[in-house]
Amino acid sequence: QVRVVESGGGLVQPGGSLRLSCVVSGGGFSSSVITWYRQVPGKEREFVATATRDGNIAHYGGFVKDRFTISRDNAKNTAYLQMDNLKVEDTAVYYCKSYLPPNVYWGQGTQVTVSS
């Protein structure tokens, strides 16, 4: 059974950095497409970043503007989201999605709060 677990969220000041991790257990990680989303209460879930299975090609949401970097370590079944120069408006619950056709698996999310 596939399980997705995010970690690394927390409270950070504006301009600070966080690195989120997404561990996918249960097999198939290297064949899955990992995508990060975020959501704030009352709003729809928003696309943040995704990368190809080998991690060589990445795509980002328009708001990222070179502040975030998605990566993955297939040997550790782990994907990462490095977030730099964080802004107050980046405050949200960040979710990791593993897409292993035809199945989609979501984690429970990790809270990121950017505040002074």
Protein backbone atom coordinates (compact mmCIF):
# COMPACT_ATOMS: atom_id res chain seq x y z
CA GLN A 1 0.00 0.00 0.00
CA VAL A 2 1.41 3.37 -1.03
CA ARG A 3 1.75 5.99 1.68
CA VAL A 4 2.75 9.63 1.23
CA VAL A 5 4.10 11.61 4.17
CA GLU A 6 5.15 15.26 4.06
CA SER A 7 7.32 16.95 6.65
CA GLY A 8 9.45 20.04 7.13
CA GLY A 9 6.81 22.70 7.56
CA GLY A 10 6.87 25.24 10.32
CA LEU A 11 6.99 28.91 11.22
CA VAL A 12 9.51 31.09 9.42
CA GLN A 13 10.04 34.81 9.06
CA PRO A 14 9.62 36.57 5.72
CA GLY A 15 12.74 36.08 3.64
CA GLY A 16 13.51 32.80 5.34
CA SER A 17 13.77 29.29 3.95
CA LEU A 18 12.27 25.88 4.51
CA ARG A 19 12.80 22.51 2.90
CA LEU A 20 9.81 20.24 2.68
CA SER A 21 10.19 16.49 2.27
CA CYS A 22 7.80 13.97 0.79
CA VAL A 23 8.47 10.32 1.52
CA VAL A 24 6.57 7.80 -0.58
CA SER A 25 6.57 4.26 0.74
CA GLY A 26 4.96 1.14 -0.66
CA GLY A 27 6.80 0.97 -3.96
CA GLY A 28 6.88 2.64 -7.35
CA PHE A 29 8.48 5.92 -6.32
CA SER A 30 10.94 6.10 -9.19
CA SER A 31 8.08 5.57 -11.66
CA SER A 32 5.81 8.16 -10.11
CA VAL A 33 5.39 11.82 -10.90
CA ILE A 34 5.62 13.96 -7.78
CA THR A 35 3.77 17.24 -7.58
CA TRP A 36 3.54 19.77 -4.79
CA TYR A 37 0.37 21.77 -4.16
CA ARG A 38 -0.68 24.20 -1.49
CA GLN A 39 -3.97 25.31 -0.05
CA VAL A 40 -5.24 28.03 2.22
CA PRO A 41 -8.64 27.86 3.92
CA GLY A 42 -11.45 28.90 1.62
CA LYS A 43 -9.39 28.63 -1.54
CA GLU A 44 -8.77 25.93 -4.09
CA ARG A 45 -5.67 23.81 -3.98
CA GLU A 46 -2.93 25.53 -5.99
CA PHE A 47 -0.20 23.98 -8.12
CA VAL A 48 3.30 24.69 -6.80
CA ALA A 49 5.79 22.49 -8.63
CA THR A 50 6.29 19.20 -10.40
CA ALA A 51 9.22 17.30 -11.83
CA THR A 52 9.78 14.44 -14.23
CA ARG A 53 10.51 10.98 -12.89
CA ASP A 54 14.25 11.51 -13.19
CA GLY A 55 14.00 15.00 -11.74
CA ASN A 56 15.70 16.61 -14.72
CA ILE A 57 12.77 18.75 -15.85
CA ALA A 58 10.67 20.82 -13.49
CA HIS A 59 7.70 23.14 -13.81
CA TYR A 60 6.57 25.75 -11.33
CA GLY A 61 3.53 27.81 -10.57
CA GLY A 62 3.67 31.39 -11.75
CA PHE A 63 3.96 32.80 -8.25
CA VAL A 64 7.19 30.86 -7.54
CA LYS A 65 9.46 33.21 -9.52
CA ASP A 66 12.71 31.27 -8.96
CA ARG A 67 12.20 31.04 -5.20
CA PHE A 68 11.38 27.32 -4.97
CA THR A 69 13.23 24.25 -6.21
CA ILE A 70 11.75 20.78 -6.55
CA SER A 71 14.04 17.78 -6.48
CA ARG A 72 13.92 14.08 -5.78
CA ASP A 73 16.14 11.30 -4.59
CA ASN A 74 14.82 8.06 -6.03
CA ALA A 75 17.20 6.02 -3.90
CA LYS A 76 15.54 7.45 -0.78
CA ASN A 77 11.97 7.46 -2.16
CA THR A 78 11.89 11.12 -1.24
CA ALA A 79 11.01 14.34 -3.02
CA TYR A 80 11.90 17.79 -1.75
CA LEU A 81 10.67 21.32 -2.11
CA GLN A 82 13.30 23.90 -1.21
CA MET A 83 11.59 27.21 -0.54
CA ASP A 84 13.67 30.37 -0.29
CA ASN A 85 12.79 34.03 0.15
CA LEU A 86 9.46 33.05 1.64
CA LYS A 87 6.68 35.60 1.72
CA VAL A 88 3.68 36.00 4.01
CA GLU A 89 1.45 34.96 1.12
CA ASP A 90 3.23 31.60 0.94
CA THR A 91 1.47 30.62 4.16
CA ALA A 92 -0.53 27.48 3.41
CA VAL A 93 -0.75 23.76 3.91
CA TYR A 94 1.58 22.12 1.42
CA TYR A 95 0.62 18.77 -0.05
CA CYS A 96 2.57 16.18 -1.98
CA LYS A 97 0.90 14.11 -4.66
CA SER A 98 2.31 10.91 -6.10
CA TYR A 99 0.93 9.94 -9.48
CA LEU A 100 1.61 6.34 -10.40
CA PRO A 101 -0.78 5.56 -13.22
CA PRO A 102 -3.60 4.95 -12.84
CA ASN A 103 -3.48 5.82 -9.13
CA VAL A 104 -3.04 9.10 -7.31
CA TYR A 105 -1.88 9.27 -3.72
CA TRP A 106 -1.94 12.32 -1.45
CA GLY A 107 -0.22 13.05 1.79
CA GLN A 108 -1.83 14.69 4.80
CA GLY A 109 -0.03 18.00 4.24
CA THR A 110 2.41 20.08 6.22
CA GLN A 111 1.70 23.58 7.47
CA VAL A 112 3.96 26.42 6.41
CA THR A 113 3.48 29.72 8.17
CA VAL A 114 5.42 32.80 7.14
CA SER A 115 5.11 35.58 9.69
CA SER A 116 7.18 38.14 11.48
